[in-house]
């Protein structure tokens, strides 16, 4: 499965990439913002997106909305990474069609659990 990892922080992407590799995922591309992510999604064959809520310019929520509004992308599962979980974030993300939410920092075990719930 080809994964797109979206976060503005190169160090956070490195940590997340390492965790995914420990889980056995090897086909992973990275994007630093929503615009780059959309461009990659439209030109690639991705099966999963992991994106940060806090992205520069458009933001993770807007990225999710654009994915869900594009017929060729709307079925791709999206895991949203948030700094904190609250009712407002949960409601906004659910309305936009998020597959799941995870709070950072997360562990290999918690990420694996979220992915296993998305892909039973």
PDB file of N, CA and C in Angstrom:
ATOM      1  N   UNK A   1       0.848  -1.181   0.000  1.00  0.00           N
ATOM      2  CA  UNK A   1       0.000   0.000   0.000  1.00  0.00           C
ATOM      3  C   UNK A   1       0.890   1.240   0.000  1.00  0.00           C
ATOM      4  N   UNK A   2       0.595   2.151  -0.888  1.00  0.00           N
ATOM      5  CA  UNK A   2       1.331   3.402  -0.993  1.00  0.00           C
ATOM      6  C   UNK A   2       0.716   4.426  -0.040  1.00  0.00           C
ATOM      7  N   UNK A   3       1.566   5.013   0.799  1.00  0.00           N
ATOM      8  CA  UNK A   3       1.123   5.948   1.832  1.00  0.00           C
ATOM      9  C   UNK A   3       1.677   7.334   1.539  1.00  0.00           C
ATOM     10  N   UNK A   4       0.834   8.354   1.746  1.00  0.00           N
ATOM     11  CA  UNK A   4       1.290   9.731   1.682  1.00  0.00           C
ATOM     12  C   UNK A   4       1.296  10.277   3.106  1.00  0.00           C
ATOM     13  N   UNK A   5       2.456  10.730   3.547  1.00  0.00           N
ATOM     14  CA  UNK A   5       2.668  11.278   4.878  1.00  0.00           C
ATOM     15  C   UNK A   5       2.797  12.791   4.737  1.00  0.00           C
ATOM     16  N   UNK A   6       1.891  13.545   5.383  1.00  0.00           N
ATOM     17  CA  UNK A   6       1.853  15.002   5.206  1.00  0.00           C
ATOM     18  C   UNK A   6       2.051  15.700   6.556  1.00  0.00           C
ATOM     19  N   UNK A   7       3.149  16.444   6.655  1.00  0.00           N
ATOM     20  CA  UNK A   7       3.429  17.235   7.853  1.00  0.00           C
ATOM     21  C   UNK A   7       4.425  18.313   7.470  1.00  0.00           C
ATOM     22  N   UNK A   8       4.278  19.499   8.019  1.00  0.00           N
ATOM     23  CA  UNK A   8       5.183  20.596   7.680  1.00  0.00           C
ATOM     24  C   UNK A   8       6.552  20.457   8.343  1.00  0.00           C
ATOM     25  N   UNK A   9       6.654  19.626   9.361  1.00  0.00           N
ATOM     26  CA  UNK A   9       7.907  19.466  10.090  1.00  0.00           C
ATOM     27  C   UNK A   9       8.698  18.267   9.574  1.00  0.00           C
ATOM     28  N   UNK A  10       9.882  18.498   8.999  1.00  0.00           N
ATOM     29  CA  UNK A  10      10.696  17.377   8.524  1.00  0.00           C
ATOM     30  C   UNK A  10      11.057  16.395   9.643  1.00  0.00           C
ATOM     31  N   UNK A  11      11.299  16.902  10.856  1.00  0.00           N
ATOM     32  CA  UNK A  11      11.660  16.005  11.956  1.00  0.00           C
ATOM     33  C   UNK A  11      10.482  15.117  12.363  1.00  0.00           C
ATOM     34  N   UNK A  12       9.283  15.667  12.382  1.00  0.00           N
ATOM     35  CA  UNK A  12       8.094  14.863  12.693  1.00  0.00           C
ATOM     36  C   UNK A  12       7.876  13.817  11.597  1.00  0.00           C
ATOM     37  N   UNK A  13       8.038  14.223  10.331  1.00  0.00           N
ATOM     38  CA  UNK A  13       7.892  13.259   9.230  1.00  0.00           C
ATOM     39  C   UNK A  13       8.908  12.129   9.360  1.00  0.00           C
ATOM     40  N   UNK A  14      10.141  12.450   9.756  1.00  0.00           N
ATOM     41  CA  UNK A  14      11.160  11.402   9.928  1.00  0.00           C
ATOM     42  C   UNK A  14      10.752  10.407  10.998  1.00  0.00           C
ATOM     43  N   UNK A  15      10.230  10.897  12.116  1.00  0.00           N
ATOM     44  CA  UNK A  15       9.785  10.014  13.197  1.00  0.00           C
ATOM     45  C   UNK A  15       8.623   9.138  12.720  1.00  0.00           C
ATOM     46  N   UNK A  16       7.641   9.756  12.077  1.00  0.00           N
ATOM     47  CA  UNK A  16       6.483   9.005  11.583  1.00  0.00           C
ATOM     48  C   UNK A  16       6.899   8.002  10.513  1.00  0.00           C
ATOM     49  N   UNK A  17       7.799   8.397   9.634  1.00  0.00           N
ATOM     50  CA  UNK A  17       8.313   7.503   8.602  1.00  0.00           C
ATOM     51  C   UNK A  17       8.999   6.299   9.240  1.00  0.00           C
ATOM     52  N   UNK A  18       9.801   6.544  10.255  1.00  0.00           N
ATOM     53  CA  UNK A  18      10.499   5.460  10.954  1.00  0.00           C
ATOM     54  C   UNK A  18       9.503   4.478  11.583  1.00  0.00           C
ATOM     55  N   UNK A  19       8.473   5.012  12.220  1.00  0.00           N
ATOM     56  CA  UNK A  19       7.453   4.143  12.833  1.00  0.00           C
ATOM     57  C   UNK A  19       6.764   3.303  11.762  1.00  0.00           C
ATOM     58  N   UNK A  20       6.396   3.934  10.645  1.00  0.00           N
ATOM     59  CA  UNK A  20       5.740   3.192   9.558  1.00  0.00           C
ATOM     60  C   UNK A  20       6.660   2.114   8.997  1.00  0.00           C
ATOM     61  N   UNK A  21       7.946   2.428   8.855  1.00  0.00           N
ATOM     62  CA  UNK A  21       8.897   1.430   8.353  1.00  0.00           C
ATOM     63  C   UNK A  21       9.045   0.272   9.322  1.00  0.00           C
ATOM     64  N   UNK A  22       9.040   0.562  10.628  1.00  0.00           N
ATOM     65  CA  UNK A  22       9.090  -0.511  11.630  1.00  0.00           C
ATOM     66  C   UNK A  22       7.860  -1.415  11.537  1.00  0.00           C
ATOM     67  N   UNK A  23       6.750  -0.834  11.078  1.00  0.00           N
ATOM     68  CA  UNK A  23       5.519  -1.604  10.905  1.00  0.00           C
ATOM     69  C   UNK A  23       5.524  -2.396   9.600  1.00  0.00           C
ATOM     70  N   UNK A  24       6.537  -2.176   8.759  1.00  0.00           N
ATOM     71  CA  UNK A  24       6.646  -2.932   7.519  1.00  0.00           C
ATOM     72  C   UNK A  24       6.219  -2.188   6.270  1.00  0.00           C
ATOM     73  N   UNK A  25       5.849  -0.923   6.402  1.00  0.00           N
ATOM     74  CA  UNK A  25       5.450  -0.137   5.232  1.00  0.00           C
ATOM     75  C   UNK A  25       6.701   0.458   4.582  1.00  0.00           C
ATOM     76  N   UNK A  26       6.808   0.319   3.281  1.00  0.00           N
ATOM     77  CA  UNK A  26       8.005   0.800   2.588  1.00  0.00           C
ATOM     78  C   UNK A  26       7.684   1.768   1.454  1.00  0.00           C
ATOM     79  N   UNK A  27       6.464   1.752   0.941  1.00  0.00           N
ATOM     80  CA  UNK A  27       6.093   2.624  -0.175  1.00  0.00           C
ATOM     81  C   UNK A  27       5.442   3.883   0.385  1.00  0.00           C
ATOM     82  N   UNK A  28       6.294   4.833   0.816  1.00  0.00           N
ATOM     83  CA  UNK A  28       5.826   6.030   1.506  1.00  0.00           C
ATOM     84  C   UNK A  28       6.403   7.262   0.820  1.00  0.00           C
ATOM     85  N   UNK A  29       5.518   8.193   0.481  1.00  0.00           N
ATOM     86  CA  UNK A  29       5.953   9.487  -0.029  1.00  0.00           C
ATOM     87  C   UNK A  29       5.583  10.545   1.002  1.00  0.00           C
ATOM     88  N   UNK A  30       6.249  11.687   0.907  1.00  0.00           N
ATOM     89  CA  UNK A  30       6.045  12.748   1.876  1.00  0.00           C
ATOM     90  C   UNK A  30       5.663  14.057   1.190  1.00  0.00           C
ATOM     91  N   UNK A  31       4.898  14.861   1.922  1.00  0.00           N
ATOM     92  CA  UNK A  31       4.545  16.208   1.476  1.00  0.00           C
ATOM     93  C   UNK A  31       4.616  17.126   2.686  1.00  0.00           C
ATOM     94  N   UNK A  32       4.993  18.377   2.440  1.00  0.00           N
ATOM     95  CA  UNK A  32       5.154  19.318   3.550  1.00  0.00           C
ATOM     96  C   UNK A  32       3.951  20.239   3.750  1.00  0.00           C
ATOM     97  N   UNK A  33       3.018  20.245   2.794  1.00  0.00           N
ATOM     98  CA  UNK A  33       1.811  21.057   2.953  1.00  0.00           C
ATOM     99  C   UNK A  33       0.675  20.470   2.111  1.00  0.00           C
ATOM    100  N   UNK A  34      -0.502  21.047   2.258  1.00  0.00           N
ATOM    101  CA  UNK A  34      -1.686  20.515   1.577  1.00  0.00           C
ATOM    102  C   UNK A  34      -1.588  20.622   0.066  1.00  0.00           C
ATOM    103  N   UNK A  35      -1.044  21.718  -0.431  1.00  0.00           N
ATOM    104  CA  UNK A  35      -0.933  21.890  -1.885  1.00  0.00           C
ATOM    105  C   UNK A  35      -0.038  20.816  -2.491  1.00  0.00           C
ATOM    106  N   UNK A  36       1.089  20.560  -1.869  1.00  0.00           N
ATOM    107  CA  UNK A  36       1.989  19.509  -2.345  1.00  0.00           C
ATOM    108  C   UNK A  36       1.317  18.144  -2.233  1.00  0.00           C
ATOM    109  N   UNK A  37       0.574  17.936  -1.161  1.00  0.00           N
ATOM    110  CA  UNK A  37      -0.128  16.669  -0.965  1.00  0.00           C
ATOM    111  C   UNK A  37      -1.162  16.436  -2.066  1.00  0.00           C
ATOM    112  N   UNK A  38      -1.936  17.453  -2.380  1.00  0.00           N
ATOM    113  CA  UNK A  38      -2.961  17.322  -3.423  1.00  0.00           C
ATOM    114  C   UNK A  38      -2.313  16.997  -4.766  1.00  0.00           C
ATOM    115  N   UNK A  39      -1.235  17.684  -5.065  1.00  0.00           N
ATOM    116  CA  UNK A  39      -0.520  17.434  -6.316  1.00  0.00           C
ATOM    117  C   UNK A  39      -0.035  15.972  -6.379  1.00  0.00           C
ATOM    118  N   UNK A  40       0.550  15.496  -5.298  1.00  0.00           N
ATOM    119  CA  UNK A  40       1.038  14.113  -5.273  1.00  0.00           C
ATOM    120  C   UNK A  40      -0.117  13.121  -5.354  1.00  0.00           C
ATOM    121  N   UNK A  41      -1.194  13.408  -4.642  1.00  0.00           N
ATOM    122  CA  UNK A  41      -2.352  12.500  -4.657  1.00  0.00           C
ATOM    123  C   UNK A  41      -2.936  12.380  -6.058  1.00  0.00           C
ATOM    124  N   UNK A  42      -2.995  13.475  -6.785  1.00  0.00           N
ATOM    125  CA  UNK A  42      -3.575  13.446  -8.117  1.00  0.00           C
ATOM    126  C   UNK A  42      -2.688  12.753  -9.137  1.00  0.00           C
ATOM    127  N   UNK A  43      -1.403  12.657  -8.845  1.00  0.00           N
ATOM    128  CA  UNK A  43      -0.500  12.013  -9.800  1.00  0.00           C
ATOM    129  C   UNK A  43      -0.049  10.631  -9.350  1.00  0.00           C
ATOM    130  N   UNK A  44      -0.457  10.202  -8.169  1.00  0.00           N
ATOM    131  CA  UNK A  44      -0.024   8.917  -7.645  1.00  0.00           C
ATOM    132  C   UNK A  44      -1.179   7.983  -7.411  1.00  0.00           C
ATOM    133  N   UNK A  45      -0.849   6.804  -6.971  1.00  0.00           N
ATOM    134  CA  UNK A  45      -1.857   5.791  -6.684  1.00  0.00           C
ATOM    135  C   UNK A  45      -1.754   5.445  -5.197  1.00  0.00           C
ATOM    136  N   UNK A  46      -2.264   6.340  -4.360  1.00  0.00           N
ATOM    137  CA  UNK A  46      -2.122   6.178  -2.920  1.00  0.00           C
ATOM    138  C   UNK A  46      -3.297   5.402  -2.337  1.00  0.00           C
ATOM    139  N   UNK A  47      -2.994   4.620  -1.316  1.00  0.00           N
ATOM    140  CA  UNK A  47      -4.023   3.848  -0.633  1.00  0.00           C
ATOM    141  C   UNK A  47      -4.331   4.366   0.749  1.00  0.00           C
ATOM    142  N   UNK A  48      -3.548   5.349   1.219  1.00  0.00           N
ATOM    143  CA  UNK A  48      -3.703   5.824   2.587  1.00  0.00           C
ATOM    144  C   UNK A  48      -2.996   7.167   2.735  1.00  0.00           C
ATOM    145  N   UNK A  49      -3.613   8.079   3.501  1.00  0.00           N
ATOM    146  CA  UNK A  49      -3.014   9.380   3.792  1.00  0.00           C
ATOM    147  C   UNK A  49      -2.971   9.560   5.301  1.00  0.00           C
ATOM    148  N   UNK A  50      -1.800   9.964   5.787  1.00  0.00           N
ATOM    149  CA  UNK A  50      -1.647  10.369   7.181  1.00  0.00           C
ATOM    150  C   UNK A  50      -1.252  11.831   7.136  1.00  0.00           C
ATOM    151  N   UNK A  51      -2.093  12.695   7.701  1.00  0.00           N
ATOM    152  CA  UNK A  51      -1.828  14.131   7.622  1.00  0.00           C
ATOM    153  C   UNK A  51      -1.975  14.804   8.970  1.00  0.00           C
ATOM    154  N   UNK A  52      -1.154  15.805   9.164  1.00  0.00           N
ATOM    155  CA  UNK A  52      -1.238  16.619  10.362  1.00  0.00           C
ATOM    156  C   UNK A  52      -2.407  17.592  10.232  1.00  0.00           C
ATOM    157  N   UNK A  53      -3.048  17.909  11.330  1.00  0.00           N
ATOM    158  CA  UNK A  53      -4.128  18.890  11.366  1.00  0.00           C
ATOM    159  C   UNK A  53      -3.575  20.285  11.057  1.00  0.00           C
ATOM    160  N   UNK A  54      -2.414  20.584  11.643  1.00  0.00           N
ATOM    161  CA  UNK A  54      -1.804  21.912  11.515  1.00  0.00           C
ATOM    162  C   UNK A  54      -0.814  21.940  10.357  1.00  0.00           C
ATOM    163  N   UNK A  55      -1.315  22.284   9.195  1.00  0.00           N
ATOM    164  CA  UNK A  55      -0.468  22.447   8.023  1.00  0.00           C
ATOM    165  C   UNK A  55      -0.471  23.912   7.621  1.00  0.00           C
ATOM    166  N   UNK A  56       0.636  24.396   7.050  1.00  0.00           N
ATOM    167  CA  UNK A  56       0.642  25.787   6.596  1.00  0.00           C
ATOM    168  C   UNK A  56      -0.318  25.998   5.425  1.00  0.00           C
ATOM    169  N   UNK A  57      -0.792  27.190   5.283  1.00  0.00           N
ATOM    170  CA  UNK A  57      -1.658  27.621   4.184  1.00  0.00           C
ATOM    171  C   UNK A  57      -3.058  27.015   4.313  1.00  0.00           C
ATOM    172  N   UNK A  58      -3.329  25.888   3.661  1.00  0.00           N
ATOM    173  CA  UNK A  58      -4.687  25.334   3.634  1.00  0.00           C
ATOM    174  C   UNK A  58      -5.088  24.636   4.923  1.00  0.00           C
ATOM    175  N   UNK A  59      -4.171  23.967   5.578  1.00  0.00           N
ATOM    176  CA  UNK A  59      -4.482  23.217   6.798  1.00  0.00           C
ATOM    177  C   UNK A  59      -4.932  21.793   6.488  1.00  0.00           C
ATOM    178  N   UNK A  60      -4.776  20.942   7.460  1.00  0.00           N
ATOM    179  CA  UNK A  60      -5.112  19.525   7.303  1.00  0.00           C
ATOM    180  C   UNK A  60      -6.597  19.281   7.083  1.00  0.00           C
ATOM    181  N   UNK A  61      -7.435  20.051   7.749  1.00  0.00           N
ATOM    182  CA  UNK A  61      -8.878  19.887   7.575  1.00  0.00           C
ATOM    183  C   UNK A  61      -9.287  20.223   6.143  1.00  0.00           C
ATOM    184  N   UNK A  62      -8.734  21.288   5.596  1.00  0.00           N
ATOM    185  CA  UNK A  62      -9.050  21.662   4.214  1.00  0.00           C
ATOM    186  C   UNK A  62      -8.510  20.602   3.242  1.00  0.00           C
ATOM    187  N   UNK A  63      -7.347  20.046   3.532  1.00  0.00           N
ATOM    188  CA  UNK A  63      -6.822  18.953   2.713  1.00  0.00           C
ATOM    189  C   UNK A  63      -7.801  17.789   2.712  1.00  0.00           C
ATOM    190  N   UNK A  64      -8.283  17.428   3.875  1.00  0.00           N
ATOM    191  CA  UNK A  64      -9.259  16.340   3.983  1.00  0.00           C
ATOM    192  C   UNK A  64     -10.516  16.643   3.169  1.00  0.00           C
ATOM    193  N   UNK A  65     -11.020  17.869   3.261  1.00  0.00           N
ATOM    194  CA  UNK A  65     -12.218  18.251   2.505  1.00  0.00           C
ATOM    195  C   UNK A  65     -11.978  18.156   1.000  1.00  0.00           C
ATOM    196  N   UNK A  66     -10.808  18.552   0.558  1.00  0.00           N
ATOM    197  CA  UNK A  66     -10.485  18.467  -0.876  1.00  0.00           C
ATOM    198  C   UNK A  66     -10.355  17.022  -1.334  1.00  0.00           C
ATOM    199  N   UNK A  67      -9.788  16.187  -0.492  1.00  0.00           N
ATOM    200  CA  UNK A  67      -9.701  14.758  -0.830  1.00  0.00           C
ATOM    201  C   UNK A  67     -11.107  14.185  -0.967  1.00  0.00           C
ATOM    202  N   UNK A  68     -11.969  14.492  -0.018  1.00  0.00           N
ATOM    203  CA  UNK A  68     -13.326  13.939  -0.027  1.00  0.00           C
ATOM    204  C   UNK A  68     -14.190  14.505  -1.158  1.00  0.00           C
ATOM    205  N   UNK A  69     -13.841  15.670  -1.687  1.00  0.00           N
ATOM    206  CA  UNK A  69     -14.644  16.261  -2.763  1.00  0.00           C
ATOM    207  C   UNK A  69     -14.149  15.857  -4.156  1.00  0.00           C
ATOM    208  N   UNK A  70     -13.046  15.141  -4.225  1.00  0.00           N
ATOM    209  CA  UNK A  70     -12.481  14.712  -5.508  1.00  0.00           C
ATOM    210  C   UNK A  70     -12.868  13.256  -5.761  1.00  0.00           C
ATOM    211  N   UNK A  71     -13.617  13.010  -6.826  1.00  0.00           N
ATOM    212  CA  UNK A  71     -14.110  11.656  -7.105  1.00  0.00           C
ATOM    213  C   UNK A  71     -13.005  10.611  -7.199  1.00  0.00           C
ATOM    214  N   UNK A  72     -11.840  10.999  -7.669  1.00  0.00           N
ATOM    215  CA  UNK A  72     -10.752  10.031  -7.819  1.00  0.00           C
ATOM    216  C   UNK A  72     -10.003   9.782  -6.516  1.00  0.00           C
ATOM    217  N   UNK A  73     -10.225  10.618  -5.511  1.00  0.00           N
ATOM    218  CA  UNK A  73      -9.493  10.499  -4.246  1.00  0.00           C
ATOM    219  C   UNK A  73     -10.375  10.190  -3.039  1.00  0.00           C
ATOM    220  N   UNK A  74     -11.668  10.416  -3.153  1.00  0.00           N
ATOM    221  CA  UNK A  74     -12.541  10.438  -1.983  1.00  0.00           C
ATOM    222  C   UNK A  74     -12.599   9.146  -1.172  1.00  0.00           C
ATOM    223  N   UNK A  75     -12.221   8.031  -1.761  1.00  0.00           N
ATOM    224  CA  UNK A  75     -12.282   6.768  -1.026  1.00  0.00           C
ATOM    225  C   UNK A  75     -10.985   6.428  -0.291  1.00  0.00           C
ATOM    226  N   UNK A  76      -9.968   7.271  -0.443  1.00  0.00           N
ATOM    227  CA  UNK A  76      -8.696   7.023   0.244  1.00  0.00           C
ATOM    228  C   UNK A  76      -8.889   7.280   1.742  1.00  0.00           C
ATOM    229  N   UNK A  77      -8.576   6.298   2.588  1.00  0.00           N
ATOM    230  CA  UNK A  77      -8.662   6.530   4.030  1.00  0.00           C
ATOM    231  C   UNK A  77      -7.659   7.604   4.469  1.00  0.00           C
ATOM    232  N   UNK A  78      -8.099   8.452   5.402  1.00  0.00           N
ATOM    233  CA  UNK A  78      -7.263   9.536   5.909  1.00  0.00           C
ATOM    234  C   UNK A  78      -7.210   9.473   7.429  1.00  0.00           C
ATOM    235  N   UNK A  79      -5.995   9.355   7.952  1.00  0.00           N
ATOM    236  CA  UNK A  79      -5.751   9.420   9.389  1.00  0.00           C
ATOM    237  C   UNK A  79      -5.223  10.815   9.693  1.00  0.00           C
ATOM    238  N   UNK A  80      -5.918  11.528  10.570  1.00  0.00           N
ATOM    239  CA  UNK A  80      -5.543  12.898  10.922  1.00  0.00           C
ATOM    240  C   UNK A  80      -4.785  12.886  12.241  1.00  0.00           C
ATOM    241  N   UNK A  81      -3.618  13.534  12.234  1.00  0.00           N
ATOM    242  CA  UNK A  81      -2.775  13.637  13.421  1.00  0.00           C
ATOM    243  C   UNK A  81      -3.027  15.004  14.055  1.00  0.00           C
ATOM    244  N   UNK A  82      -3.407  14.983  15.336  1.00  0.00           N
ATOM    245  CA  UNK A  82      -3.732  16.234  16.037  1.00  0.00           C
ATOM    246  C   UNK A  82      -2.852  16.389  17.277  1.00  0.00           C
ATOM    247  N   UNK A  83      -2.672  17.648  17.696  1.00  0.00           N
ATOM    248  CA  UNK A  83      -1.898  17.925  18.908  1.00  0.00           C
ATOM    249  C   UNK A  83      -2.701  17.654  20.164  1.00  0.00           C
ATOM    250  N   UNK A  84      -4.004  17.862  20.066  1.00  0.00           N
ATOM    251  CA  UNK A  84      -4.897  17.607  21.188  1.00  0.00           C
ATOM    252  C   UNK A  84      -6.249  17.203  20.628  1.00  0.00           C
ATOM    253  N   UNK A  85      -6.970  16.444  21.395  1.00  0.00           N
ATOM    254  CA  UNK A  85      -8.281  15.973  20.970  1.00  0.00           C
ATOM    255  C   UNK A  85      -9.331  16.715  21.792  1.00  0.00           C
ATOM    256  N   UNK A  86     -10.278  17.321  21.102  1.00  0.00           N
ATOM    257  CA  UNK A  86     -11.408  17.921  21.796  1.00  0.00           C
ATOM    258  C   UNK A  86     -12.655  17.739  20.931  1.00  0.00           C
ATOM    259  N   UNK A  87     -13.803  18.061  21.494  1.00  0.00           N
ATOM    260  CA  UNK A  87     -15.069  17.830  20.795  1.00  0.00           C
ATOM    261  C   UNK A  87     -15.154  18.587  19.477  1.00  0.00           C
ATOM    262  N   UNK A  88     -14.634  19.805  19.446  1.00  0.00           N
ATOM    263  CA  UNK A  88     -14.701  20.609  18.223  1.00  0.00           C
ATOM    264  C   UNK A  88     -13.899  19.949  17.101  1.00  0.00           C
ATOM    265  N   UNK A  89     -12.674  19.518  17.400  1.00  0.00           N
ATOM    266  CA  UNK A  89     -11.834  18.867  16.402  1.00  0.00           C
ATOM    267  C   UNK A  89     -12.487  17.569  15.928  1.00  0.00           C
ATOM    268  N   UNK A  90     -12.991  16.788  16.864  1.00  0.00           N
ATOM    269  CA  UNK A  90     -13.638  15.520  16.512  1.00  0.00           C
ATOM    270  C   UNK A  90     -14.826  15.775  15.585  1.00  0.00           C
ATOM    271  N   UNK A  91     -15.656  16.759  15.911  1.00  0.00           N
ATOM    272  CA  UNK A  91     -16.839  17.061  15.107  1.00  0.00           C
ATOM    273  C   UNK A  91     -16.459  17.567  13.716  1.00  0.00           C
ATOM    274  N   UNK A  92     -15.532  18.509  13.654  1.00  0.00           N
ATOM    275  CA  UNK A  92     -15.110  19.042  12.350  1.00  0.00           C
ATOM    276  C   UNK A  92     -14.507  17.948  11.473  1.00  0.00           C
ATOM    277  N   UNK A  93     -13.657  17.125  12.061  1.00  0.00           N
ATOM    278  CA  UNK A  93     -13.006  16.060  11.300  1.00  0.00           C
ATOM    279  C   UNK A  93     -14.021  15.013  10.847  1.00  0.00           C
ATOM    280  N   UNK A  94     -14.949  14.660  11.722  1.00  0.00           N
ATOM    281  CA  UNK A  94     -15.977  13.676  11.366  1.00  0.00           C
ATOM    282  C   UNK A  94     -16.858  14.198  10.240  1.00  0.00           C
ATOM    283  N   UNK A  95     -17.270  15.456  10.321  1.00  0.00           N
ATOM    284  CA  UNK A  95     -18.092  16.053   9.268  1.00  0.00           C
ATOM    285  C   UNK A  95     -17.364  16.079   7.929  1.00  0.00           C
ATOM    286  N   UNK A  96     -16.046  16.242   7.976  1.00  0.00           N
ATOM    287  CA  UNK A  96     -15.255  16.303   6.747  1.00  0.00           C
ATOM    288  C   UNK A  96     -14.941  14.916   6.193  1.00  0.00           C
ATOM    289  N   UNK A  97     -15.202  13.865   6.979  1.00  0.00           N
ATOM    290  CA  UNK A  97     -15.019  12.508   6.483  1.00  0.00           C
ATOM    291  C   UNK A  97     -13.714  11.838   6.866  1.00  0.00           C
ATOM    292  N   UNK A  98     -13.138  12.230   7.998  1.00  0.00           N
ATOM    293  CA  UNK A  98     -11.892  11.597   8.441  1.00  0.00           C
ATOM    294  C   UNK A  98     -12.141  10.111   8.749  1.00  0.00           C
ATOM    295  N   UNK A  99     -11.142   9.298   8.490  1.00  0.00           N
ATOM    296  CA  UNK A  99     -11.249   7.872   8.794  1.00  0.00           C
ATOM    297  C   UNK A  99     -10.972   7.614  10.266  1.00  0.00           C
ATOM    298  N   UNK A 100     -10.009   8.357  10.822  1.00  0.00           N
ATOM    299  CA  UNK A 100      -9.665   8.238  12.237  1.00  0.00           C
ATOM    300  C   UNK A 100      -8.783   9.411  12.633  1.00  0.00           C
ATOM    301  N   UNK A 101      -8.673   9.617  13.943  1.00  0.00           N
ATOM    302  CA  UNK A 101      -7.817  10.654  14.509  1.00  0.00           C
ATOM    303  C   UNK A 101      -6.825  10.002  15.459  1.00  0.00           C
ATOM    304  N   UNK A 102      -5.620  10.579  15.541  1.00  0.00           N
ATOM    305  CA  UNK A 102      -4.620  10.117  16.492  1.00  0.00           C
ATOM    306  C   UNK A 102      -3.923  11.337  17.067  1.00  0.00           C
ATOM    307  N   UNK A 103      -3.641  11.291  18.365  1.00  0.00           N
ATOM    308  CA  UNK A 103      -2.978  12.402  19.041  1.00  0.00           C
ATOM    309  C   UNK A 103      -1.475  12.154  19.059  1.00  0.00           C
ATOM    310  N   UNK A 104      -0.707  13.217  18.746  1.00  0.00           N
ATOM    311  CA  UNK A 104       0.741  13.082  18.826  1.00  0.00           C
ATOM    312  C   UNK A 104       1.237  13.649  20.140  1.00  0.00           C
ATOM    313  N   UNK A 105       2.309  13.130  20.647  1.00  0.00           N
ATOM    314  CA  UNK A 105       3.120  12.083  20.032  1.00  0.00           C
ATOM    315  C   UNK A 105       2.444  10.723  20.196  1.00  0.00           C
ATOM    316  N   UNK A 106       2.580   9.894  19.171  1.00  0.00           N
ATOM    317  CA  UNK A 106       1.993   8.561  19.251  1.00  0.00           C
ATOM    318  C   UNK A 106       3.098   7.514  19.185  1.00  0.00           C
ATOM    319  N   UNK A 107       2.728   6.323  19.594  1.00  0.00           N
ATOM    320  CA  UNK A 107       3.685   5.209  19.608  1.00  0.00           C
ATOM    321  C   UNK A 107       3.426   4.297  18.426  1.00  0.00           C
ATOM    322  N   UNK A 108       4.344   3.410  18.188  1.00  0.00           N
ATOM    323  CA  UNK A 108       4.154   2.390  17.163  1.00  0.00           C
ATOM    324  C   UNK A 108       2.868   1.622  17.434  1.00  0.00           C
ATOM    325  N   UNK A 109       2.659   1.250  18.690  1.00  0.00           N
ATOM    326  CA  UNK A 109       1.472   0.461  19.052  1.00  0.00           C
ATOM    327  C   UNK A 109       0.174   1.233  18.775  1.00  0.00           C
ATOM    328  N   UNK A 110       0.131   2.510  19.152  1.00  0.00           N
ATOM    329  CA  UNK A 110      -1.119   3.265  18.947  1.00  0.00           C
ATOM    330  C   UNK A 110      -1.378   3.515  17.462  1.00  0.00           C
ATOM    331  N   UNK A 111      -0.318   3.759  16.677  1.00  0.00           N
ATOM    332  CA  UNK A 111      -0.498   3.935  15.237  1.00  0.00           C
ATOM    333  C   UNK A 111      -0.945   2.632  14.596  1.00  0.00           C
ATOM    334  N   UNK A 112      -0.339   1.539  15.005  1.00  0.00           N
ATOM    335  CA  UNK A 112      -0.715   0.232  14.457  1.00  0.00           C
ATOM    336  C   UNK A 112      -2.189  -0.067  14.751  1.00  0.00           C
ATOM    337  N   UNK A 113      -2.627   0.259  15.958  1.00  0.00           N
ATOM    338  CA  UNK A 113      -4.031   0.050  16.335  1.00  0.00           C
ATOM    339  C   UNK A 113      -4.976   0.869  15.449  1.00  0.00           C
ATOM    340  N   UNK A 114      -4.629   2.136  15.212  1.00  0.00           N
ATOM    341  CA  UNK A 114      -5.460   2.999  14.366  1.00  0.00           C
ATOM    342  C   UNK A 114      -5.506   2.451  12.925  1.00  0.00           C
ATOM    343  N   UNK A 115      -4.348   2.059  12.401  1.00  0.00           N
ATOM    344  CA  UNK A 115      -4.316   1.529  11.026  1.00  0.00           C
ATOM    345  C   UNK A 115      -5.093   0.234  10.930  1.00  0.00           C
ATOM    346  N   UNK A 116      -4.978  -0.627  11.932  1.00  0.00           N
ATOM    347  CA  UNK A 116      -5.728  -1.888  11.924  1.00  0.00           C
ATOM    348  C   UNK A 116      -7.237  -1.650  12.009  1.00  0.00           C
ATOM    349  N   UNK A 117      -7.649  -0.575  12.667  1.00  0.00           N
ATOM    350  CA  UNK A 117      -9.082  -0.241  12.706  1.00  0.00           C
ATOM    351  C   UNK A 117      -9.565   0.296  11.367  1.00  0.00           C
ATOM    352  N   UNK A 118      -8.690   1.004  10.641  1.00  0.00           N
ATOM    353  CA  UNK A 118      -9.049   1.528   9.333  1.00  0.00           C
ATOM    354  C   UNK A 118      -9.052   0.420   8.288  1.00  0.00           C
ATOM    355  N   UNK A 119      -8.066  -0.479   8.380  1.00  0.00           N
ATOM    356  CA  UNK A 119      -7.930  -1.595   7.448  1.00  0.00           C
ATOM    357  C   UNK A 119      -8.064  -2.904   8.215  1.00  0.00           C
ATOM    358  N   UNK A 120      -9.294  -3.311   8.559  1.00  0.00           N
ATOM    359  CA  UNK A 120      -9.471  -4.525   9.372  1.00  0.00           C
ATOM    360  C   UNK A 120      -9.026  -5.804   8.630  1.00  0.00           C
TER     361      UNK A 120
END
